[in-house]
Amino acid sequence: MNPPLDKDAAQAAAQAAAKKARDGRNIALGLGLVAFVILVFVVTLVRLGGNVAHPH
């Protein structure tokens, strides 16, 4: 009777490890997305700021 319990424990440990890995990837992806948005915002401000100094 012990092998099914060991199999269940191993499966639960594998699921926990997979969830931890997914969570880490999700955090990294979210931080990358935030960094990209900030970069686009800063570039936009710089480009628009140049046009304020020299209007057409």
PDB file of N, CA and C in Angstrom:
ATOM      1  N   MET A   1       0.805  -1.208   0.000  1.00  0.00           N
ATOM      2  CA  MET A   1       0.000   0.000   0.000  1.00  0.00           C
ATOM      3  C   MET A   1       0.843   1.264   0.000  1.00  0.00           C
ATOM      4  N   ASN A   2       2.091   1.199   0.375  1.00  0.00           N
ATOM      5  CA  ASN A   2       2.928   2.384   0.432  1.00  0.00           C
ATOM      6  C   ASN A   2       3.277   2.975  -0.930  1.00  0.00           C
ATOM      7  N   PRO A   3       3.466   2.181  -1.976  1.00  0.00           N
ATOM      8  CA  PRO A   3       3.839   2.789  -3.267  1.00  0.00           C
ATOM      9  C   PRO A   3       2.860   3.834  -3.780  1.00  0.00           C
ATOM     10  N   PRO A   4       1.529   3.650  -3.682  1.00  0.00           N
ATOM     11  CA  PRO A   4       0.643   4.731  -4.147  1.00  0.00           C
ATOM     12  C   PRO A   4       0.822   6.021  -3.364  1.00  0.00           C
ATOM     13  N   LEU A   5       1.059   5.922  -2.056  1.00  0.00           N
ATOM     14  CA  LEU A   5       1.266   7.122  -1.260  1.00  0.00           C
ATOM     15  C   LEU A   5       2.557   7.823  -1.688  1.00  0.00           C
ATOM     16  N   ASP A   6       3.603   7.065  -1.929  1.00  0.00           N
ATOM     17  CA  ASP A   6       4.855   7.655  -2.380  1.00  0.00           C
ATOM     18  C   ASP A   6       4.683   8.308  -3.748  1.00  0.00           C
ATOM     19  N   LYS A   7       3.903   7.659  -4.607  1.00  0.00           N
ATOM     20  CA  LYS A   7       3.648   8.222  -5.935  1.00  0.00           C
ATOM     21  C   LYS A   7       2.875   9.532  -5.812  1.00  0.00           C
ATOM     22  N   ASP A   8       1.884   9.564  -4.930  1.00  0.00           N
ATOM     23  CA  ASP A   8       1.109  10.790  -4.722  1.00  0.00           C
ATOM     24  C   ASP A   8       1.983  11.896  -4.156  1.00  0.00           C
ATOM     25  N   ALA A   9       2.856  11.547  -3.218  1.00  0.00           N
ATOM     26  CA  ALA A   9       3.757  12.539  -2.630  1.00  0.00           C
ATOM     27  C   ALA A   9       4.723  13.069  -3.674  1.00  0.00           C
ATOM     28  N   ALA A  10       5.237  12.183  -4.515  1.00  0.00           N
ATOM     29  CA  ALA A  10       6.156  12.605  -5.565  1.00  0.00           C
ATOM     30  C   ALA A  10       5.439  13.492  -6.579  1.00  0.00           C
ATOM     31  N   GLN A  11       4.200  13.149  -6.902  1.00  0.00           N
ATOM     32  CA  GLN A  11       3.424  13.947  -7.841  1.00  0.00           C
ATOM     33  C   GLN A  11       3.120  15.321  -7.249  1.00  0.00           C
ATOM     34  N   ALA A  12       2.807  15.372  -5.972  1.00  0.00           N
ATOM     35  CA  ALA A  12       2.533  16.651  -5.312  1.00  0.00           C
ATOM     36  C   ALA A  12       3.792  17.509  -5.281  1.00  0.00           C
ATOM     37  N   ALA A  13       4.937  16.889  -5.027  1.00  0.00           N
ATOM     38  CA  ALA A  13       6.199  17.637  -5.012  1.00  0.00           C
ATOM     39  C   ALA A  13       6.523  18.162  -6.403  1.00  0.00           C
ATOM     40  N   ALA A  14       6.272  17.363  -7.423  1.00  0.00           N
ATOM     41  CA  ALA A  14       6.525  17.796  -8.796  1.00  0.00           C
ATOM     42  C   ALA A  14       5.596  18.954  -9.174  1.00  0.00           C
ATOM     43  N   GLN A  15       4.349  18.878  -8.754  1.00  0.00           N
ATOM     44  CA  GLN A  15       3.404  19.963  -9.039  1.00  0.00           C
ATOM     45  C   GLN A  15       3.815  21.238  -8.329  1.00  0.00           C
ATOM     46  N   ALA A  16       4.297  21.104  -7.086  1.00  0.00           N
ATOM     47  CA  ALA A  16       4.742  22.289  -6.336  1.00  0.00           C
ATOM     48  C   ALA A  16       5.959  22.916  -7.022  1.00  0.00           C
ATOM     49  N   ALA A  17       6.878  22.085  -7.485  1.00  0.00           N
ATOM     50  CA  ALA A  17       8.061  22.603  -8.169  1.00  0.00           C
ATOM     51  C   ALA A  17       7.675  23.279  -9.485  1.00  0.00           C
ATOM     52  N   ALA A  18       6.733  22.697 -10.196  1.00  0.00           N
ATOM     53  CA  ALA A  18       6.289  23.288 -11.459  1.00  0.00           C
ATOM     54  C   ALA A  18       5.596  24.626 -11.211  1.00  0.00           C
ATOM     55  N   LYS A  19       4.798  24.718 -10.155  1.00  0.00           N
ATOM     56  CA  LYS A  19       4.129  25.981  -9.832  1.00  0.00           C
ATOM     57  C   LYS A  19       5.144  27.049  -9.462  1.00  0.00           C
ATOM     58  N   LYS A  20       6.150  26.676  -8.697  1.00  0.00           N
ATOM     59  CA  LYS A  20       7.195  27.628  -8.314  1.00  0.00           C
ATOM     60  C   LYS A  20       7.934  28.133  -9.554  1.00  0.00           C
ATOM     61  N   ALA A  21       8.223  27.238 -10.486  1.00  0.00           N
ATOM     62  CA  ALA A  21       8.896  27.639 -11.721  1.00  0.00           C
ATOM     63  C   ALA A  21       8.007  28.564 -12.551  1.00  0.00           C
ATOM     64  N   ARG A  22       6.718  28.234 -12.647  1.00  0.00           N
ATOM     65  CA  ARG A  22       5.781  29.094 -13.388  1.00  0.00           C
ATOM     66  C   ARG A  22       5.698  30.470 -12.760  1.00  0.00           C
ATOM     67  N   ASP A  23       5.607  30.501 -11.429  1.00  0.00           N
ATOM     68  CA  ASP A  23       5.515  31.786 -10.730  1.00  0.00           C
ATOM     69  C   ASP A  23       6.759  32.635 -10.998  1.00  0.00           C
ATOM     70  N   GLY A  24       7.919  32.003 -10.985  1.00  0.00           N
ATOM     71  CA  GLY A  24       9.159  32.735 -11.267  1.00  0.00           C
ATOM     72  C   GLY A  24       9.177  33.292 -12.678  1.00  0.00           C
ATOM     73  N   ARG A  25       8.747  32.496 -13.638  1.00  0.00           N
ATOM     74  CA  ARG A  25       8.684  32.974 -15.033  1.00  0.00           C
ATOM     75  C   ARG A  25       7.673  34.099 -15.181  1.00  0.00           C
ATOM     76  N   ASN A  26       6.536  33.982 -14.504  1.00  0.00           N
ATOM     77  CA  ASN A  26       5.515  35.028 -14.591  1.00  0.00           C
ATOM     78  C   ASN A  26       6.018  36.343 -14.013  1.00  0.00           C
ATOM     79  N   ILE A  27       6.736  36.280 -12.913  1.00  0.00           N
ATOM     80  CA  ILE A  27       7.285  37.494 -12.312  1.00  0.00           C
ATOM     81  C   ILE A  27       8.313  38.117 -13.240  1.00  0.00           C
ATOM     82  N   ALA A  28       9.188  37.294 -13.801  1.00  0.00           N
ATOM     83  CA  ALA A  28      10.203  37.811 -14.722  1.00  0.00           C
ATOM     84  C   ALA A  28       9.554  38.434 -15.956  1.00  0.00           C
ATOM     85  N   LEU A  29       8.545  37.792 -16.491  1.00  0.00           N
ATOM     86  CA  LEU A  29       7.848  38.327 -17.657  1.00  0.00           C
ATOM     87  C   LEU A  29       7.144  39.637 -17.323  1.00  0.00           C
ATOM     88  N   GLY A  30       6.525  39.702 -16.171  1.00  0.00           N
ATOM     89  CA  GLY A  30       5.862  40.934 -15.743  1.00  0.00           C
ATOM     90  C   GLY A  30       6.844  42.080 -15.563  1.00  0.00           C
ATOM     91  N   LEU A  31       7.981  41.809 -14.941  1.00  0.00           N
ATOM     92  CA  LEU A  31       8.992  42.854 -14.758  1.00  0.00           C
ATOM     93  C   LEU A  31       9.555  43.316 -16.103  1.00  0.00           C
ATOM     94  N   GLY A  32       9.749  42.377 -17.009  1.00  0.00           N
ATOM     95  CA  GLY A  32      10.215  42.745 -18.348  1.00  0.00           C
ATOM     96  C   GLY A  32       9.213  43.624 -19.072  1.00  0.00           C
ATOM     97  N   LEU A  33       7.945  43.313 -18.935  1.00  0.00           N
ATOM     98  CA  LEU A  33       6.898  44.116 -19.562  1.00  0.00           C
ATOM     99  C   LEU A  33       6.851  45.518 -18.966  1.00  0.00           C
ATOM    100  N   VAL A  34       6.965  45.624 -17.660  1.00  0.00           N
ATOM    101  CA  VAL A  34       6.972  46.934 -17.001  1.00  0.00           C
ATOM    102  C   VAL A  34       8.182  47.746 -17.462  1.00  0.00           C
ATOM    103  N   ALA A  35       9.344  47.102 -17.549  1.00  0.00           N
ATOM    104  CA  ALA A  35      10.550  47.799 -18.007  1.00  0.00           C
ATOM    105  C   ALA A  35      10.372  48.306 -19.441  1.00  0.00           C
ATOM    106  N   PHE A  36       9.747  47.508 -20.301  1.00  0.00           N
ATOM    107  CA  PHE A  36       9.513  47.923 -21.683  1.00  0.00           C
ATOM    108  C   PHE A  36       8.571  49.125 -21.748  1.00  0.00           C
ATOM    109  N   VAL A  37       7.513  49.093 -20.953  1.00  0.00           N
ATOM    110  CA  VAL A  37       6.553  50.209 -20.942  1.00  0.00           C
ATOM    111  C   VAL A  37       7.247  51.486 -20.470  1.00  0.00           C
ATOM    112  N   ILE A  38       8.065  51.376 -19.428  1.00  0.00           N
ATOM    113  CA  ILE A  38       8.786  52.550 -18.931  1.00  0.00           C
ATOM    114  C   ILE A  38       9.745  53.076 -19.995  1.00  0.00           C
ATOM    115  N   LEU A  39      10.437  52.175 -20.681  1.00  0.00           N
ATOM    116  CA  LEU A  39      11.358  52.581 -21.744  1.00  0.00           C
ATOM    117  C   LEU A  39      10.617  53.330 -22.853  1.00  0.00           C
ATOM    118  N   VAL A  40       9.487  52.816 -23.289  1.00  0.00           N
ATOM    119  CA  VAL A  40       8.708  53.480 -24.342  1.00  0.00           C
ATOM    120  C   VAL A  40       8.226  54.844 -23.861  1.00  0.00           C
ATOM    121  N   PHE A  41       7.809  54.944 -22.603  1.00  0.00           N
ATOM    122  CA  PHE A  41       7.344  56.204 -22.049  1.00  0.00           C
ATOM    123  C   PHE A  41       8.474  57.241 -22.025  1.00  0.00           C
ATOM    124  N   VAL A  42       9.651  56.831 -21.573  1.00  0.00           N
ATOM    125  CA  VAL A  42      10.794  57.753 -21.493  1.00  0.00           C
ATOM    126  C   VAL A  42      11.216  58.205 -22.893  1.00  0.00           C
ATOM    127  N   VAL A  43      11.279  57.284 -23.835  1.00  0.00           N
ATOM    128  CA  VAL A  43      11.649  57.651 -25.207  1.00  0.00           C
ATOM    129  C   VAL A  43      10.628  58.622 -25.784  1.00  0.00           C
ATOM    130  N   THR A  44       9.356  58.400 -25.516  1.00  0.00           N
ATOM    131  CA  THR A  44       8.310  59.303 -25.998  1.00  0.00           C
ATOM    132  C   THR A  44       8.468  60.693 -25.398  1.00  0.00           C
ATOM    133  N   LEU A  45       8.725  60.756 -24.103  1.00  0.00           N
ATOM    134  CA  LEU A  45       8.927  62.056 -23.465  1.00  0.00           C
ATOM    135  C   LEU A  45      10.131  62.798 -24.054  1.00  0.00           C
ATOM    136  N   VAL A  46      11.205  62.087 -24.296  1.00  0.00           N
ATOM    137  CA  VAL A  46      12.404  62.713 -24.849  1.00  0.00           C
ATOM    138  C   VAL A  46      12.119  63.233 -26.258  1.00  0.00           C
ATOM    139  N   ARG A  47      11.446  62.436 -27.060  1.00  0.00           N
ATOM    140  CA  ARG A  47      11.156  62.862 -28.437  1.00  0.00           C
ATOM    141  C   ARG A  47      10.188  64.052 -28.450  1.00  0.00           C
ATOM    142  N   LEU A  48       9.174  64.021 -27.602  1.00  0.00           N
ATOM    143  CA  LEU A  48       8.223  65.131 -27.553  1.00  0.00           C
ATOM    144  C   LEU A  48       8.867  66.370 -26.944  1.00  0.00           C
ATOM    145  N   GLY A  49       9.748  66.185 -25.973  1.00  0.00           N
ATOM    146  CA  GLY A  49      10.436  67.313 -25.352  1.00  0.00           C
ATOM    147  C   GLY A  49      11.292  68.069 -26.355  1.00  0.00           C
ATOM    148  N   GLY A  50      11.895  67.370 -27.297  1.00  0.00           N
ATOM    149  CA  GLY A  50      12.683  68.017 -28.330  1.00  0.00           C
ATOM    150  C   GLY A  50      11.812  68.884 -29.242  1.00  0.00           C
ATOM    151  N   ASN A  51      10.594  68.490 -29.476  1.00  0.00           N
ATOM    152  CA  ASN A  51       9.701  69.252 -30.332  1.00  0.00           C
ATOM    153  C   ASN A  51       9.178  70.511 -29.644  1.00  0.00           C
ATOM    154  N   VAL A  52       9.134  70.512 -28.318  1.00  0.00           N
ATOM    155  CA  VAL A  52       8.676  71.696 -27.593  1.00  0.00           C
ATOM    156  C   VAL A  52       9.697  72.810 -27.735  1.00  0.00           C
ATOM    157  N   ALA A  53      10.976  72.459 -27.727  1.00  0.00           N
ATOM    158  CA  ALA A  53      12.037  73.464 -27.831  1.00  0.00           C
ATOM    159  C   ALA A  53      12.097  74.072 -29.238  1.00  0.00           C
ATOM    160  N   HIS A  54      11.760  73.284 -30.260  1.00  0.00           N
ATOM    161  CA  HIS A  54      11.830  73.764 -31.639  1.00  0.00           C
ATOM    162  C   HIS A  54      10.513  73.497 -32.360  1.00  0.00           C
ATOM    163  N   PRO A  55       9.476  74.292 -32.079  1.00  0.00           N
ATOM    164  CA  PRO A  55       8.178  74.040 -32.733  1.00  0.00           C
ATOM    165  C   PRO A  55       8.247  74.387 -34.228  1.00  0.00           C
ATOM    166  N   HIS A  56       7.360  73.825 -34.987  1.00  0.00           N
ATOM    167  CA  HIS A  56       7.324  74.064 -36.434  1.00  0.00           C
ATOM    168  C   HIS A  56       6.694  75.384 -36.754  1.00  0.00           C
TER     169      HIS A  56
END
